[in-house]
């Protein structure tokens, strides 16, 4: 979530930052409720979905990191804390 907020502030692909915020809010809910979804022999579908959801989260994190890395001076202390002069 922190990377998504930082990307929203300093990078160009705001759609990616917005998606990361929504996905980051969805992940804890899904992780906590997955044990109650499709209990029984069909629970493998939930396990596979959990694996895919985690993979998407990793891919989004990698894309956000790349977008932040390409921004000149985006990860300086002054850009994170704001101007204190």
Protein backbone atom coordinates (compact mmCIF):
# COMPACT_ATOMS: atom_id res chain seq x y z
CA UNK A 1 0.00 0.00 0.00
CA UNK A 2 2.86 2.37 0.77
CA UNK A 3 4.39 1.79 -2.66
CA UNK A 4 1.01 2.42 -4.28
CA UNK A 5 0.60 5.70 -2.42
CA UNK A 6 4.11 6.76 -3.32
CA UNK A 7 3.54 5.81 -6.96
CA UNK A 8 0.30 7.79 -6.98
CA UNK A 9 2.24 10.84 -5.84
CA UNK A 10 5.26 10.68 -8.13
CA UNK A 11 4.71 8.41 -11.11
CA UNK A 12 2.83 8.60 -14.35
CA UNK A 13 0.84 5.34 -14.46
CA UNK A 14 -1.78 6.41 -11.92
CA UNK A 15 -4.07 3.62 -13.06
CA UNK A 16 -1.48 1.14 -11.79
CA UNK A 17 -1.24 2.89 -8.43
CA UNK A 18 -5.05 2.96 -8.17
CA UNK A 19 -5.24 -0.74 -9.06
CA UNK A 20 -2.57 -1.52 -6.45
CA UNK A 21 -4.55 0.33 -3.78
CA UNK A 22 -7.74 -1.58 -4.60
CA UNK A 23 -5.88 -4.89 -4.86
CA UNK A 24 -4.09 -4.18 -1.57
CA UNK A 25 -7.42 -3.61 0.14
CA UNK A 26 -8.84 -6.82 -1.37
CA UNK A 27 -5.91 -9.06 -0.38
CA UNK A 28 -6.43 -9.12 3.41
CA UNK A 29 -10.15 -9.77 3.03
CA UNK A 30 -9.57 -12.64 0.63
CA UNK A 31 -6.78 -14.08 2.76
CA UNK A 32 -8.91 -14.06 5.89
CA UNK A 33 -12.05 -15.49 4.29
CA UNK A 34 -10.55 -18.09 1.96
CA UNK A 35 -10.94 -20.86 4.54
CA UNK A 36 -14.71 -20.42 4.47
CA UNK A 37 -15.08 -20.37 0.68
CA UNK A 38 -16.06 -23.59 -1.11
CA UNK A 39 -15.35 -25.82 1.87
CA UNK A 40 -14.99 -29.43 0.84
CA UNK A 41 -13.71 -31.13 -2.28
CA UNK A 42 -13.93 -27.94 -4.37
CA UNK A 43 -11.64 -25.95 -2.06
CA UNK A 44 -8.77 -26.51 -4.49
CA UNK A 45 -10.41 -23.79 -6.65
CA UNK A 46 -10.00 -21.32 -3.79
CA UNK A 47 -6.39 -22.42 -3.24
CA UNK A 48 -5.60 -21.94 -6.92
CA UNK A 49 -7.31 -18.53 -6.90
CA UNK A 50 -5.27 -17.57 -3.83
CA UNK A 51 -2.10 -18.49 -5.70
CA UNK A 52 -3.14 -16.36 -8.69
CA UNK A 53 -4.13 -13.41 -6.49
CA UNK A 54 -0.71 -13.52 -4.84
CA UNK A 55 1.00 -13.70 -8.23
CA UNK A 56 -0.88 -10.63 -9.41
CA UNK A 57 0.14 -8.79 -6.22
CA UNK A 58 3.79 -9.63 -6.87
CA UNK A 59 3.56 -8.53 -10.51
CA UNK A 60 1.89 -5.25 -9.56
CA UNK A 61 4.58 -4.62 -6.94
CA UNK A 62 7.32 -5.23 -9.49
CA UNK A 63 5.66 -2.88 -11.99
CA UNK A 64 5.23 -0.18 -9.33
CA UNK A 65 8.87 -0.51 -8.29
CA UNK A 66 9.94 -0.17 -11.92
CA UNK A 67 7.76 2.92 -12.41
CA UNK A 68 9.17 4.50 -9.26
CA UNK A 69 12.72 3.63 -10.24
CA UNK A 70 12.34 5.40 -13.59
CA UNK A 71 11.28 8.67 -11.95
CA UNK A 72 14.32 10.90 -11.51
CA UNK A 73 14.75 11.82 -7.85
CA UNK A 74 11.50 10.15 -6.82
CA UNK A 75 12.96 8.21 -3.92
CA UNK A 76 14.85 10.98 -2.18
CA UNK A 77 14.18 11.89 1.42
CA UNK A 78 12.96 15.35 0.40
CA UNK A 79 10.41 13.93 -2.03
CA UNK A 80 9.05 11.59 0.63
CA UNK A 81 8.97 14.07 3.52
CA UNK A 82 8.12 17.20 1.57
CA UNK A 83 9.97 20.47 1.74
CA UNK A 84 10.85 21.47 5.31
CA UNK A 85 12.74 24.67 4.65
